[in-house]
Amino acid sequence: MALVLGTAAALAGAQARGVGPQELRIGTLLDLSGALASAGKDARDGMQMRVDEINAQGGIGGRKLRLLVEDHGYDPKRAVLGAQKLIERDGVFAIVGQLGTAPMMASAGLLRQTQTLNFMPLTATALTYEPPQPLTFAYLPSYVDQLSKGLPAFLRQSGARTVCTVYQDDEFGQEILRGSEAGLKAAGRTLAERTSYKRGATDFSSQVARLAAAGCDGVVLGTVIRETVGVMTEARKIGFRPAFLATVSAYSATVPRLGGEAVEGLYASVVIDQPYADSGPAPVRAWAQRYKAAFGEEPSVFSAQGYFVIDSFAAAARAAGPALDTASLVKTLETQPLPATLFGTPEIRYAPGRRLGIDAVRLARIHDGRWVSAD
């Protein structure tokens, strides 16, 4: 907390990079060509949709909002280079909604060094808010928290007794492993088997065979979209049919669209609801229809997340007033809640020693090719 307060005080005299008389420049780092490319594209479209709406309504305090996007390809080294370009060459005011745990962690040092706001990264690592960093504002509970809370409910609903995990061999995967252990401990159990894969892998035959040999009837997936489909497709191919549980990293309409029958029954933790154009609450249906009209396809949850992040940033920037700078935005976020949204999120609240805005987690499940509530 002392670090948060000390840095906030130092920012009082900092120059408002990216804030001009007619334009407010923000940047994001997304995967548009790697393992999370479908998520990155959807997040970008959702962000741009909200930016266009804001600008059509006059901008923020008379300033048009400009979003600059860099593709890191889910490569941490490219994430650092992309962040450097956005900050040093493009002069962005903040980095918003950057995607992926490993890329985000790689760029974090540069953002701290340049006193650049890291606003609502699209990753659920606890490292975004534990310990609290002065200029990082997270909204997704950690993978550890998601599994600590979600695994006992998964066990009750699925009836699984022998639980294993397969996870990505990086910071993201380590959180999945810790969360699996914590969730099982709360239920009085331990992991029966664990196995990992290298980031970007496409062959999961050895990992799935290992889980099957261990007799697992429940599997926690430390996977993102493509890898979720790959693991479950391989399992179905060899007749291995445990109950599967993933985190928000795999909660996307892209998973049932790509995986089809192989991913039926998959559970996942949820913070922002998957929008559909023909079902759900009327405001969400209307939003999804506008998105589909703009981009020619159904939105995913990452589309909603991108839209949500820009909407939340705009709300905070407006509340900070016309003399917008980093210090005024930080003070606003620490003292004024961000409103609930149409995507099922509650009010988001931060404080000087609190950098996680939402701690509620729910479960969803794929049924007939769609995500439905499992609660």
Protein backbone atom coordinates (compact mmCIF):
# COMPACT_ATOMS: atom_id res chain seq x y z
CA MET A 1 0.00 0.00 0.00
CA ALA A 2 2.90 2.36 0.76
CA LEU A 3 4.18 1.74 -2.78
CA VAL A 4 0.74 2.50 -4.23
CA LEU A 5 0.33 5.71 -2.24
CA GLY A 6 3.90 6.90 -2.82
CA THR A 7 3.72 6.39 -6.57
CA ALA A 8 0.32 8.05 -6.79
CA ALA A 9 1.71 11.12 -5.04
CA ALA A 10 4.68 11.25 -7.38
CA LEU A 11 2.34 11.20 -10.37
CA ALA A 12 0.77 14.50 -9.40
CA GLY A 13 3.31 16.39 -11.48
CA ALA A 14 3.65 13.83 -14.27
CA GLN A 15 3.02 14.93 -17.84
CA ALA A 16 -0.17 13.57 -19.38
CA ARG A 17 1.31 11.67 -22.31
CA GLY A 18 -1.28 10.90 -24.96
CA VAL A 19 -3.77 13.52 -23.81
CA GLY A 20 -4.11 16.28 -26.41
CA PRO A 21 -6.65 19.04 -26.88
CA GLN A 22 -8.62 17.00 -29.42
CA GLU A 23 -7.40 13.41 -29.03
CA LEU A 24 -6.85 10.84 -26.29
CA ARG A 25 -4.53 8.02 -27.40
CA ILE A 26 -4.65 4.60 -25.77
CA GLY A 27 -3.00 1.35 -26.80
CA THR A 28 -3.48 -2.37 -26.48
CA LEU A 29 -1.34 -5.48 -26.95
CA LEU A 30 -3.24 -8.43 -28.41
CA ASP A 31 -2.51 -11.78 -29.99
CA LEU A 32 -3.65 -11.51 -33.61
CA SER A 33 -1.44 -14.26 -35.06
CA GLY A 34 -0.69 -16.86 -32.36
CA ALA A 35 -2.45 -19.31 -30.05
CA LEU A 36 -4.98 -16.69 -28.90
CA ALA A 37 -5.53 -15.08 -32.31
CA SER A 38 -9.29 -15.63 -32.36
CA ALA A 39 -9.62 -14.11 -28.89
CA GLY A 40 -7.37 -11.21 -29.84
CA LYS A 41 -9.31 -10.41 -32.99
CA ASP A 42 -12.62 -10.47 -31.14
CA ALA A 43 -11.27 -8.32 -28.30
CA ARG A 44 -9.96 -5.81 -30.84
CA ASP A 45 -13.34 -5.65 -32.60
CA GLY A 46 -15.19 -5.20 -29.32
CA MET A 47 -12.80 -2.42 -28.31
CA GLN A 48 -13.10 -0.66 -31.64
CA MET A 49 -16.89 -0.92 -31.55
CA ARG A 50 -17.02 0.97 -28.26
CA VAL A 51 -14.38 3.49 -29.39
CA ASP A 52 -16.47 4.27 -32.50
CA GLU A 53 -19.60 4.70 -30.39
CA ILE A 54 -17.83 7.02 -27.96
CA ASN A 55 -16.44 9.15 -30.77
CA ALA A 56 -19.84 9.33 -32.47
CA GLN A 57 -21.17 10.72 -29.18
CA GLY A 58 -18.51 13.44 -29.01
CA GLY A 59 -15.61 11.61 -27.41
CA ILE A 60 -14.39 12.01 -23.82
CA GLY A 61 -14.42 15.60 -22.65
CA GLY A 62 -14.39 16.73 -26.27
CA ARG A 63 -11.41 14.51 -27.11
CA LYS A 64 -11.79 11.78 -29.72
CA LEU A 65 -10.57 8.42 -28.46
CA ARG A 66 -7.90 6.76 -30.62
CA LEU A 67 -7.03 3.09 -30.12
CA LEU A 68 -3.66 1.80 -31.34
CA VAL A 69 -3.17 -1.98 -31.54
CA GLU A 70 0.02 -4.05 -31.53
CA ASP A 71 0.10 -7.80 -32.28
CA HIS A 72 2.35 -9.75 -29.89
CA GLY A 73 1.47 -13.18 -31.33
CA TYR A 74 1.41 -14.51 -27.74
CA ASP A 75 5.19 -14.04 -27.68
CA PRO A 76 6.51 -12.26 -24.56
CA LYS A 77 9.44 -10.72 -26.47
CA ARG A 78 7.09 -9.24 -29.05
CA ALA A 79 4.90 -7.94 -26.24
CA VAL A 80 7.82 -5.93 -24.86
CA LEU A 81 8.62 -4.52 -28.30
CA GLY A 82 4.98 -3.69 -28.91
CA ALA A 83 4.67 -1.93 -25.57
CA GLN A 84 7.83 0.02 -26.25
CA LYS A 85 6.45 1.20 -29.60
CA LEU A 86 3.08 2.18 -28.15
CA ILE A 87 4.63 4.14 -25.30
CA GLU A 88 7.75 5.66 -26.84
CA ARG A 89 6.74 6.17 -30.47
CA ASP A 90 2.95 6.41 -30.36
CA GLY A 91 2.82 8.17 -27.00
CA VAL A 92 -0.25 6.42 -25.61
CA PHE A 93 -1.77 7.53 -22.32
CA ALA A 94 -2.54 3.98 -21.13
CA ILE A 95 -2.35 0.33 -22.12
CA VAL A 96 -5.85 -1.15 -21.92
CA GLY A 97 -7.06 -4.73 -22.15
CA GLN A 98 -3.76 -6.34 -23.09
CA LEU A 99 -4.24 -10.06 -23.67
CA GLY A 100 -2.44 -13.05 -22.18
CA THR A 101 -0.59 -13.77 -18.93
CA ALA A 102 2.95 -14.36 -20.23
CA PRO A 103 2.95 -11.34 -22.62
CA MET A 104 1.45 -9.11 -19.94
CA MET A 105 4.06 -10.13 -17.37
CA ALA A 106 6.84 -9.53 -19.90
CA SER A 107 5.69 -5.97 -20.61
CA ALA A 108 4.89 -5.10 -16.97
CA GLY A 109 8.38 -3.86 -16.14
CA LEU A 110 8.39 -1.38 -19.01
CA LEU A 111 4.95 -0.09 -18.03
CA ARG A 112 6.12 0.47 -14.46
CA GLN A 113 9.33 2.14 -15.61
CA THR A 114 7.44 4.56 -17.85
CA GLN A 115 4.59 5.07 -15.33
CA THR A 116 2.04 3.85 -17.86
CA LEU A 117 -1.41 2.78 -16.70
CA ASN A 118 -2.08 -0.95 -17.16
CA PHE A 119 -5.87 -0.91 -17.27
CA MET A 120 -7.91 -4.10 -17.04
CA PRO A 121 -5.57 -6.61 -18.72
CA LEU A 122 -7.36 -9.61 -20.21
CA THR A 123 -5.63 -12.11 -17.99
CA ALA A 124 -6.61 -13.62 -14.68
CA THR A 125 -3.19 -13.95 -13.12
CA ALA A 126 -3.02 -12.85 -9.48
CA LEU A 127 0.22 -11.06 -10.35
CA THR A 128 -1.85 -8.20 -11.74
CA TYR A 129 -3.06 -7.30 -8.25
CA GLU A 130 -1.01 -9.22 -5.65
CA PRO A 131 0.86 -7.31 -4.37
CA PRO A 132 -1.06 -4.22 -5.53
CA GLN A 133 0.80 -2.19 -8.16
CA PRO A 134 0.09 1.56 -8.28
CA LEU A 135 -0.85 1.74 -11.96
CA THR A 136 -2.34 -1.71 -12.61
CA PHE A 137 -6.12 -2.11 -12.28
CA ALA A 138 -7.41 -5.67 -12.75
CA TYR A 139 -10.96 -6.95 -12.95
CA LEU A 140 -10.60 -10.73 -13.40
CA PRO A 141 -10.13 -12.89 -10.29
CA SER A 142 -7.01 -14.99 -10.50
CA TYR A 143 -6.98 -18.49 -11.95
CA VAL A 144 -6.13 -19.69 -8.45
CA ASP A 145 -9.24 -18.01 -7.03
CA GLN A 146 -11.41 -19.24 -9.90
CA LEU A 147 -10.43 -22.85 -9.27
CA SER A 148 -10.41 -22.54 -5.48
CA LYS A 149 -14.06 -21.45 -5.68
CA GLY A 150 -15.12 -23.33 -8.81
CA LEU A 151 -13.58 -26.78 -8.34
CA PRO A 152 -15.76 -27.86 -5.38
CA ALA A 153 -18.89 -26.91 -7.36
CA PHE A 154 -17.53 -28.76 -10.41
CA LEU A 155 -16.94 -31.87 -8.32
CA ARG A 156 -20.48 -31.80 -6.97
CA GLN A 157 -22.05 -31.30 -10.39
CA SER A 158 -19.89 -33.71 -12.40
CA GLY A 159 -19.45 -36.42 -9.78
CA ALA A 160 -15.73 -36.64 -10.59
CA ARG A 161 -13.61 -38.45 -8.00
CA THR A 162 -10.14 -38.80 -9.53
CA VAL A 163 -8.97 -35.38 -10.71
CA CYS A 164 -5.95 -34.60 -12.85
CA THR A 165 -4.68 -31.52 -14.68
CA VAL A 166 -2.97 -30.65 -17.94
CA TYR A 167 -1.53 -27.16 -18.12
CA GLN A 168 0.60 -24.82 -20.19
CA ASP A 169 4.24 -24.74 -19.09
CA ASP A 170 4.43 -21.06 -18.10
CA GLU A 171 3.16 -18.55 -15.49
CA PHE A 172 -0.44 -19.12 -16.56
CA GLY A 173 -0.12 -22.88 -16.18
CA GLN A 174 1.51 -22.62 -12.78
CA GLU A 175 -1.50 -20.67 -11.52
CA ILE A 176 -3.80 -23.38 -12.87
CA LEU A 177 -1.74 -25.97 -11.00
CA ARG A 178 -1.88 -24.00 -7.73
CA GLY A 179 -5.60 -23.36 -8.14
CA SER A 180 -6.26 -27.05 -8.80
CA GLU A 181 -4.40 -28.04 -5.67
CA ALA A 182 -6.20 -25.39 -3.59
CA GLY A 183 -9.65 -26.32 -4.91
CA LEU A 184 -9.08 -30.01 -4.30
CA LYS A 185 -7.70 -29.36 -0.84
CA ALA A 186 -10.91 -27.51 0.01
CA ALA A 187 -12.79 -30.67 -1.06
CA GLY A 188 -10.48 -32.98 0.90
CA ARG A 189 -8.72 -34.40 -2.19
CA THR A 190 -5.41 -34.25 -4.05
CA LEU A 191 -4.37 -34.34 -7.68
CA ALA A 192 -4.02 -37.86 -9.07
CA GLU A 193 -1.85 -36.80 -12.03
CA ARG A 194 -0.41 -33.69 -13.63
CA THR A 195 1.15 -33.10 -17.02
CA SER A 196 2.17 -30.01 -18.99
CA TYR A 197 2.72 -28.89 -22.57
CA LYS A 198 4.84 -26.19 -24.20
CA ARG A 199 3.18 -22.95 -25.25
CA GLY A 200 2.06 -23.23 -28.89
CA ALA A 201 1.87 -27.05 -28.86
CA THR A 202 -0.57 -28.75 -31.25
CA ASP A 203 -0.04 -32.44 -30.37
CA PHE A 204 -1.44 -33.52 -27.00
CA SER A 205 -1.47 -37.27 -27.51
CA SER A 206 1.16 -38.07 -24.86
CA GLN A 207 -0.45 -35.82 -22.25
CA VAL A 208 -3.93 -37.23 -22.82
CA ALA A 209 -2.63 -40.80 -22.77
CA ARG A 210 -0.98 -40.09 -19.41
CA LEU A 211 -4.23 -38.76 -17.95
CA ALA A 212 -6.20 -41.72 -19.28
CA ALA A 213 -3.68 -44.15 -17.80
CA ALA A 214 -4.15 -42.50 -14.40
CA GLY A 215 -7.87 -43.23 -14.53
CA CYS A 216 -8.91 -39.59 -14.28
CA ASP A 217 -12.63 -38.93 -14.41
CA GLY A 218 -12.17 -35.16 -13.94
CA VAL A 219 -9.57 -32.99 -15.70
CA VAL A 220 -8.69 -29.36 -14.98
CA LEU A 221 -7.55 -27.65 -18.17
CA GLY A 222 -4.80 -25.05 -17.99
CA THR A 223 -5.44 -24.28 -21.65
CA VAL A 224 -6.49 -21.43 -23.90
CA ILE A 225 -8.90 -21.76 -26.82
CA ARG A 226 -7.04 -23.77 -29.42
CA GLU A 227 -5.39 -26.03 -26.85
CA THR A 228 -8.72 -26.69 -25.12
CA VAL A 229 -10.13 -28.00 -28.37
CA GLY A 230 -6.94 -29.96 -29.06
CA VAL A 231 -6.88 -31.74 -25.70
CA MET A 232 -10.58 -32.62 -25.70
CA THR A 233 -10.52 -33.77 -29.34
CA GLU A 234 -7.59 -36.08 -28.58
CA ALA A 235 -9.42 -37.42 -25.52
CA ARG A 236 -12.56 -38.21 -27.53
CA LYS A 237 -10.44 -39.85 -30.22
CA ILE A 238 -9.10 -42.46 -27.80
CA GLY A 239 -12.42 -42.90 -25.98
CA PHE A 240 -11.31 -41.01 -22.87
CA ARG A 241 -14.35 -39.12 -21.56
CA PRO A 242 -13.77 -37.44 -18.20
CA ALA A 243 -15.53 -34.26 -17.09
CA PHE A 244 -13.43 -31.23 -18.06
CA LEU A 245 -13.15 -27.89 -16.24
CA ALA A 246 -11.44 -24.81 -17.72
CA THR A 247 -11.10 -21.20 -16.61
CA VAL A 248 -12.13 -17.94 -18.27
CA SER A 249 -9.19 -18.41 -20.66
CA ALA A 250 -11.26 -21.04 -22.52
CA TYR A 251 -14.72 -19.54 -21.99
CA SER A 252 -15.46 -18.46 -25.55
CA ALA A 253 -18.00 -19.25 -28.26
CA THR A 254 -15.01 -20.15 -30.42
CA VAL A 255 -14.47 -23.33 -28.39
CA PRO A 256 -17.79 -25.02 -29.28
CA ARG A 257 -17.60 -23.59 -32.79
CA LEU A 258 -14.20 -25.22 -33.39
CA GLY A 259 -14.58 -28.27 -31.18
CA GLY A 260 -18.13 -29.35 -31.94
CA GLU A 261 -19.16 -32.59 -30.29
CA ALA A 262 -15.70 -33.07 -28.76
CA VAL A 263 -16.16 -30.17 -26.33
CA GLU A 264 -19.78 -30.85 -25.31
CA GLY A 265 -20.13 -30.77 -21.52
CA LEU A 266 -17.04 -28.63 -20.89
CA TYR A 267 -17.31 -26.54 -17.72
CA ALA A 268 -15.62 -23.15 -17.31
CA SER A 269 -15.50 -20.31 -14.81
CA VAL A 270 -17.27 -17.10 -15.84
CA VAL A 271 -17.01 -13.40 -15.02
CA ILE A 272 -18.49 -11.79 -18.16
CA ASP A 273 -21.30 -13.68 -19.91
CA GLN A 274 -20.98 -14.98 -23.46
CA PRO A 275 -23.37 -12.84 -25.55
CA TYR A 276 -25.74 -14.34 -28.12
CA ALA A 277 -27.77 -12.44 -30.70
CA ASP A 278 -30.86 -14.65 -30.35
CA SER A 279 -31.01 -15.52 -26.66
CA GLY A 280 -30.43 -13.99 -23.26
CA PRO A 281 -31.42 -10.57 -21.87
CA ALA A 282 -32.79 -8.08 -24.40
CA PRO A 283 -29.95 -5.51 -23.98
CA VAL A 284 -27.34 -8.21 -24.61
CA ARG A 285 -29.21 -9.51 -27.67
CA ALA A 286 -29.41 -5.98 -29.06
CA TRP A 287 -25.71 -5.43 -28.47
CA ALA A 288 -24.82 -8.75 -30.12
CA GLN A 289 -26.97 -7.88 -33.13
CA ARG A 290 -25.15 -4.54 -33.53
CA TYR A 291 -21.82 -6.33 -33.26
CA LYS A 292 -22.84 -8.89 -35.88
CA ALA A 293 -24.01 -6.13 -38.21
CA ALA A 294 -20.66 -4.35 -37.83
CA PHE A 295 -18.31 -7.33 -38.14
CA GLY A 296 -20.33 -10.00 -39.96
CA GLU A 297 -20.10 -12.63 -37.24
CA GLU A 298 -21.40 -13.52 -33.80
CA PRO A 299 -19.52 -11.97 -30.88
CA SER A 300 -17.49 -14.04 -28.44
CA VAL A 301 -16.96 -13.33 -24.77
CA PHE A 302 -13.68 -11.68 -25.77
CA SER A 303 -15.68 -9.28 -27.93
CA ALA A 304 -17.69 -8.42 -24.83
CA GLN A 305 -14.54 -8.11 -22.73
CA GLY A 306 -12.96 -5.71 -25.22
CA TYR A 307 -16.11 -3.58 -25.30
CA PHE A 308 -16.38 -3.69 -21.51
CA VAL A 309 -12.76 -2.58 -20.98
CA ILE A 310 -13.13 0.47 -23.24
CA ASP A 311 -16.50 1.32 -21.71
CA SER A 312 -15.02 1.14 -18.20
CA PHE A 313 -11.97 3.22 -19.18
CA ALA A 314 -14.20 5.87 -20.75
CA ALA A 315 -16.40 6.03 -17.64
CA ALA A 316 -13.35 6.58 -15.43
CA ALA A 317 -11.77 9.10 -17.81
CA ARG A 318 -14.97 11.14 -17.95
CA ALA A 319 -15.26 11.13 -14.16
CA ALA A 320 -11.63 12.30 -13.85
CA GLY A 321 -12.62 15.56 -15.55
CA PRO A 322 -11.21 17.69 -18.37
CA ALA A 323 -7.71 18.00 -16.83
CA LEU A 324 -7.15 14.29 -17.35
CA ASP A 325 -3.80 12.87 -16.31
CA THR A 326 -2.61 9.65 -14.70
CA ALA A 327 -2.90 10.97 -11.14
CA SER A 328 -6.48 12.18 -11.60
CA LEU A 329 -7.52 8.91 -13.21
CA VAL A 330 -5.93 6.85 -10.42
CA LYS A 331 -7.70 8.97 -7.80
CA THR A 332 -11.01 8.56 -9.61
CA LEU A 333 -10.63 4.78 -9.82
CA GLU A 334 -9.74 4.57 -6.13
CA THR A 335 -12.71 6.63 -4.96
CA GLN A 336 -15.57 6.13 -7.45
CA PRO A 337 -17.09 2.76 -8.45
CA LEU A 338 -17.43 1.88 -12.12
CA PRO A 339 -21.03 1.03 -13.05
CA ALA A 340 -22.45 -2.45 -13.60
CA THR A 341 -22.72 -3.43 -17.26
CA LEU A 342 -25.10 -5.35 -19.49
CA PHE A 343 -22.69 -8.33 -19.52
CA GLY A 344 -23.55 -9.42 -15.97
CA THR A 345 -20.74 -7.63 -14.15
CA PRO A 346 -21.45 -5.93 -10.81
CA GLU A 347 -20.12 -2.52 -9.79
CA ILE A 348 -16.34 -2.45 -9.91
CA ARG A 349 -14.62 -1.00 -6.87
CA TYR A 350 -10.95 -0.24 -6.30
CA ALA A 351 -9.14 1.37 -3.35
CA PRO A 352 -5.58 2.51 -2.56
CA GLY A 353 -4.67 -0.98 -1.37
CA ARG A 354 -7.02 -2.91 -3.67
CA ARG A 355 -6.39 -3.42 -7.38
CA LEU A 356 -8.93 -6.19 -8.12
CA GLY A 357 -12.34 -4.82 -9.08
CA ILE A 358 -14.42 -8.04 -9.20
CA ASP A 359 -14.12 -11.19 -7.10
CA ALA A 360 -17.31 -13.07 -8.08
CA VAL A 361 -16.99 -16.27 -10.17
CA ARG A 362 -19.71 -18.47 -11.69
CA LEU A 363 -19.69 -21.74 -13.67
CA ALA A 364 -20.97 -22.28 -17.20
CA ARG A 365 -21.18 -25.41 -19.36
CA ILE A 366 -21.37 -26.15 -23.08
CA HIS A 367 -24.76 -27.66 -24.00
CA ASP A 368 -25.82 -28.19 -27.62
CA GLY A 369 -22.97 -25.98 -28.83
CA ARG A 370 -23.70 -23.04 -26.53
CA TRP A 371 -22.52 -21.85 -23.15
CA VAL A 372 -25.28 -22.01 -20.53
CA SER A 373 -25.25 -21.34 -16.80
CA ALA A 374 -24.24 -24.34 -14.72
CA ASP A 375 -25.16 -22.72 -11.40
